[in-house]
Amino acid sequence: MKTNITLKIDSDLLREARILAAEDGTSISALLAGHLQQVVQGRTRYDQARRRALARLRKGFNLRWTRPRSRDELHER
């Protein structure tokens, strides 16, 4: 379902948008809808990646850390 919106922009910007749309063989509406879709998808992907990263941080990483040997253990022969 598509919904109409009202948008107030500068007349010079509108002129440039018309030129860009004509060069792409599309309408201003389709041009703006495409750019808005890219912005929304980018934000969605960012949010998903952020959630995955935070979940990995909460889980922690196995660094295979072992306790260092004591001075006496190191100097035993």
N, C-alpha and C. Protein backbone atom coordinates (compact mmCIF):
# COMPACT_ATOMS: atom_id res chain seq x y z
N MET A 1 0.84 -1.18 0.00
CA MET A 1 0.00 0.00 0.00
C MET A 1 0.88 1.24 0.00
N LYS A 2 0.65 2.13 -0.88
CA LYS A 2 1.43 3.36 -0.96
C LYS A 2 0.59 4.52 -0.45
N THR A 3 1.27 5.46 0.20
CA THR A 3 0.60 6.62 0.78
C THR A 3 1.24 7.89 0.24
N ASN A 4 0.43 8.86 -0.04
CA ASN A 4 0.94 10.15 -0.49
C ASN A 4 1.40 10.97 0.70
N ILE A 5 2.45 11.78 0.48
CA ILE A 5 2.93 12.69 1.51
C ILE A 5 3.10 14.07 0.89
N THR A 6 3.16 15.07 1.73
CA THR A 6 3.44 16.43 1.28
C THR A 6 4.84 16.78 1.76
N LEU A 7 5.62 17.36 0.86
CA LEU A 7 7.00 17.66 1.18
C LEU A 7 7.30 19.10 0.79
N LYS A 8 7.88 19.84 1.71
CA LYS A 8 8.26 21.22 1.41
C LYS A 8 9.77 21.27 1.22
N ILE A 9 10.19 21.67 0.01
CA ILE A 9 11.61 21.81 -0.27
C ILE A 9 11.84 23.09 -1.06
N ASP A 10 13.08 23.52 -1.06
CA ASP A 10 13.47 24.72 -1.79
C ASP A 10 13.24 24.51 -3.29
N SER A 11 12.84 25.56 -3.98
CA SER A 11 12.54 25.44 -5.41
C SER A 11 13.78 25.06 -6.23
N ASP A 12 14.96 25.54 -5.83
CA ASP A 12 16.19 25.15 -6.53
C ASP A 12 16.47 23.66 -6.37
N LEU A 13 16.23 23.16 -5.17
CA LEU A 13 16.41 21.73 -4.92
C LEU A 13 15.42 20.91 -5.74
N LEU A 14 14.19 21.38 -5.83
CA LEU A 14 13.18 20.69 -6.62
C LEU A 14 13.60 20.63 -8.09
N ARG A 15 14.12 21.73 -8.61
CA ARG A 15 14.58 21.78 -10.00
C ARG A 15 15.69 20.74 -10.23
N GLU A 16 16.65 20.70 -9.31
CA GLU A 16 17.75 19.73 -9.43
C GLU A 16 17.24 18.30 -9.31
N ALA A 17 16.28 18.08 -8.44
CA ALA A 17 15.70 16.75 -8.29
C ALA A 17 14.97 16.32 -9.55
N ARG A 18 14.28 17.24 -10.18
CA ARG A 18 13.60 16.92 -11.45
C ARG A 18 14.61 16.52 -12.51
N ILE A 19 15.73 17.24 -12.56
CA ILE A 19 16.77 16.92 -13.54
C ILE A 19 17.35 15.53 -13.27
N LEU A 20 17.65 15.25 -11.99
CA LEU A 20 18.19 13.93 -11.64
C LEU A 20 17.21 12.82 -11.99
N ALA A 21 15.95 13.03 -11.67
CA ALA A 21 14.93 12.03 -11.96
C ALA A 21 14.82 11.81 -13.46
N ALA A 22 14.83 12.89 -14.24
CA ALA A 22 14.74 12.77 -15.69
C ALA A 22 15.95 12.02 -16.24
N GLU A 23 17.13 12.32 -15.72
CA GLU A 23 18.34 11.62 -16.18
C GLU A 23 18.28 10.13 -15.87
N ASP A 24 17.65 9.78 -14.76
CA ASP A 24 17.51 8.37 -14.39
C ASP A 24 16.29 7.72 -15.03
N GLY A 25 15.49 8.53 -15.73
CA GLY A 25 14.29 7.99 -16.37
C GLY A 25 13.23 7.58 -15.37
N THR A 26 13.12 8.33 -14.29
CA THR A 26 12.16 7.99 -13.24
C THR A 26 11.47 9.26 -12.76
N SER A 27 10.62 9.12 -11.78
CA SER A 27 9.93 10.28 -11.22
C SER A 27 10.64 10.72 -9.94
N ILE A 28 10.33 11.92 -9.50
CA ILE A 28 10.87 12.41 -8.24
C ILE A 28 10.39 11.52 -7.10
N SER A 29 9.16 11.09 -7.18
CA SER A 29 8.60 10.22 -6.15
C SER A 29 9.41 8.92 -6.05
N ALA A 30 9.70 8.30 -7.20
CA ALA A 30 10.46 7.05 -7.20
C ALA A 30 11.90 7.30 -6.75
N LEU A 31 12.46 8.43 -7.15
CA LEU A 31 13.83 8.78 -6.74
C LEU A 31 13.90 8.92 -5.22
N LEU A 32 12.97 9.66 -4.64
CA LEU A 32 12.96 9.85 -3.19
C LEU A 32 12.65 8.56 -2.45
N ALA A 33 11.71 7.79 -2.98
CA ALA A 33 11.36 6.52 -2.34
C ALA A 33 12.56 5.57 -2.32
N GLY A 34 13.32 5.55 -3.40
CA GLY A 34 14.52 4.71 -3.46
C GLY A 34 15.56 5.13 -2.44
N HIS A 35 15.78 6.43 -2.33
CA HIS A 35 16.75 6.92 -1.35
C HIS A 35 16.29 6.68 0.08
N LEU A 36 15.02 6.88 0.34
CA LEU A 36 14.49 6.61 1.68
C LEU A 36 14.62 5.13 2.03
N GLN A 37 14.37 4.28 1.05
CA GLN A 37 14.49 2.84 1.27
C GLN A 37 15.94 2.47 1.62
N GLN A 38 16.90 3.07 0.94
CA GLN A 38 18.32 2.82 1.25
C GLN A 38 18.67 3.26 2.66
N VAL A 39 18.16 4.41 3.07
CA VAL A 39 18.43 4.92 4.42
C VAL A 39 17.84 3.98 5.47
N VAL A 40 16.61 3.56 5.25
CA VAL A 40 15.94 2.68 6.21
C VAL A 40 16.64 1.33 6.27
N GLN A 41 16.99 0.76 5.12
CA GLN A 41 17.68 -0.53 5.11
C GLN A 41 19.05 -0.43 5.77
N GLY A 42 19.74 0.68 5.52
CA GLY A 42 21.04 0.88 6.17
C GLY A 42 20.92 0.93 7.67
N ARG A 43 19.92 1.63 8.15
CA ARG A 43 19.69 1.72 9.60
C ARG A 43 19.31 0.36 10.16
N THR A 44 18.48 -0.38 9.44
CA THR A 44 18.07 -1.70 9.89
C THR A 44 19.27 -2.64 9.98
N ARG A 45 20.13 -2.63 8.94
CA ARG A 45 21.32 -3.48 8.96
C ARG A 45 22.26 -3.07 10.09
N TYR A 46 22.40 -1.77 10.32
CA TYR A 46 23.24 -1.29 11.41
C TYR A 46 22.71 -1.79 12.75
N ASP A 47 21.40 -1.66 12.96
CA ASP A 47 20.80 -2.10 14.22
C ASP A 47 20.99 -3.59 14.44
N GLN A 48 20.82 -4.38 13.37
CA GLN A 48 21.01 -5.83 13.48
C GLN A 48 22.46 -6.16 13.82
N ALA A 49 23.41 -5.52 13.15
CA ALA A 49 24.82 -5.76 13.43
C ALA A 49 25.18 -5.34 14.85
N ARG A 50 24.61 -4.25 15.30
CA ARG A 50 24.86 -3.78 16.66
C ARG A 50 24.36 -4.78 17.69
N ARG A 51 23.14 -5.30 17.47
CA ARG A 51 22.58 -6.30 18.39
C ARG A 51 23.45 -7.56 18.42
N ARG A 52 23.92 -8.02 17.23
CA ARG A 52 24.78 -9.20 17.18
C ARG A 52 26.09 -8.95 17.92
N ALA A 53 26.68 -7.77 17.72
CA ALA A 53 27.94 -7.45 18.37
C ALA A 53 27.78 -7.39 19.89
N LEU A 54 26.71 -6.77 20.35
CA LEU A 54 26.46 -6.70 21.78
C LEU A 54 26.23 -8.07 22.38
N ALA A 55 25.53 -8.94 21.65
CA ALA A 55 25.30 -10.30 22.14
C ALA A 55 26.62 -11.05 22.25
N ARG A 56 27.52 -10.87 21.27
CA ARG A 56 28.83 -11.51 21.34
C ARG A 56 29.63 -10.98 22.53
N LEU A 57 29.54 -9.69 22.78
CA LEU A 57 30.25 -9.12 23.93
C LEU A 57 29.71 -9.66 25.25
N ARG A 58 28.38 -9.81 25.34
CA ARG A 58 27.78 -10.35 26.56
C ARG A 58 28.23 -11.79 26.79
N LYS A 59 28.30 -12.55 25.70
CA LYS A 59 28.71 -13.95 25.78
C LYS A 59 30.19 -14.05 26.15
N GLY A 60 30.99 -13.14 25.65
CA GLY A 60 32.42 -13.15 25.93
C GLY A 60 33.19 -13.93 24.88
N PHE A 61 34.49 -13.82 24.96
CA PHE A 61 35.36 -14.48 24.01
C PHE A 61 36.28 -15.45 24.76
N ASN A 62 36.54 -16.61 24.17
CA ASN A 62 37.47 -17.55 24.76
C ASN A 62 38.86 -17.19 24.26
N LEU A 63 39.65 -16.55 25.10
CA LEU A 63 40.99 -16.14 24.72
C LEU A 63 42.04 -17.18 25.07
N ARG A 64 41.58 -18.31 25.60
CA ARG A 64 42.46 -19.41 26.00
C ARG A 64 43.55 -18.92 26.96
N TRP A 65 43.14 -18.10 27.88
CA TRP A 65 44.06 -17.53 28.85
C TRP A 65 44.41 -18.57 29.90
N THR A 66 45.68 -18.67 30.20
CA THR A 66 46.11 -19.54 31.29
C THR A 66 46.90 -18.68 32.27
N ARG A 67 46.84 -19.10 33.48
CA ARG A 67 47.53 -18.35 34.53
C ARG A 67 49.03 -18.44 34.30
N PRO A 68 49.72 -17.32 34.38
CA PRO A 68 51.18 -17.37 34.19
C PRO A 68 51.84 -18.19 35.30
N ARG A 69 52.93 -18.82 34.93
CA ARG A 69 53.64 -19.62 35.93
C ARG A 69 54.33 -18.68 36.92
N SER A 70 54.52 -19.18 38.11
CA SER A 70 55.16 -18.37 39.14
C SER A 70 56.65 -18.25 38.84
N ARG A 71 57.29 -17.35 39.53
CA ARG A 71 58.73 -17.13 39.35
C ARG A 71 59.50 -18.40 39.66
N ASP A 72 59.08 -19.09 40.74
CA ASP A 72 59.77 -20.34 41.13
C ASP A 72 59.60 -21.41 40.06
N GLU A 73 58.40 -21.53 39.49
CA GLU A 73 58.18 -22.51 38.43
C GLU A 73 59.02 -22.21 37.20
N LEU A 74 59.15 -20.93 36.89
CA LEU A 74 59.94 -20.55 35.72
C LEU A 74 61.42 -20.85 35.90
N HIS A 75 61.91 -20.79 37.15
CA HIS A 75 63.32 -20.97 37.38
C HIS A 75 63.68 -22.36 37.88
N GLU A 76 62.70 -23.28 37.91
CA GLU A 76 63.00 -24.67 38.28
C GLU A 76 63.80 -25.31 37.17
N ARG A 77 64.70 -26.15 37.57
CA ARG A 77 65.50 -26.84 36.54
C ARG A 77 65.39 -28.31 36.70
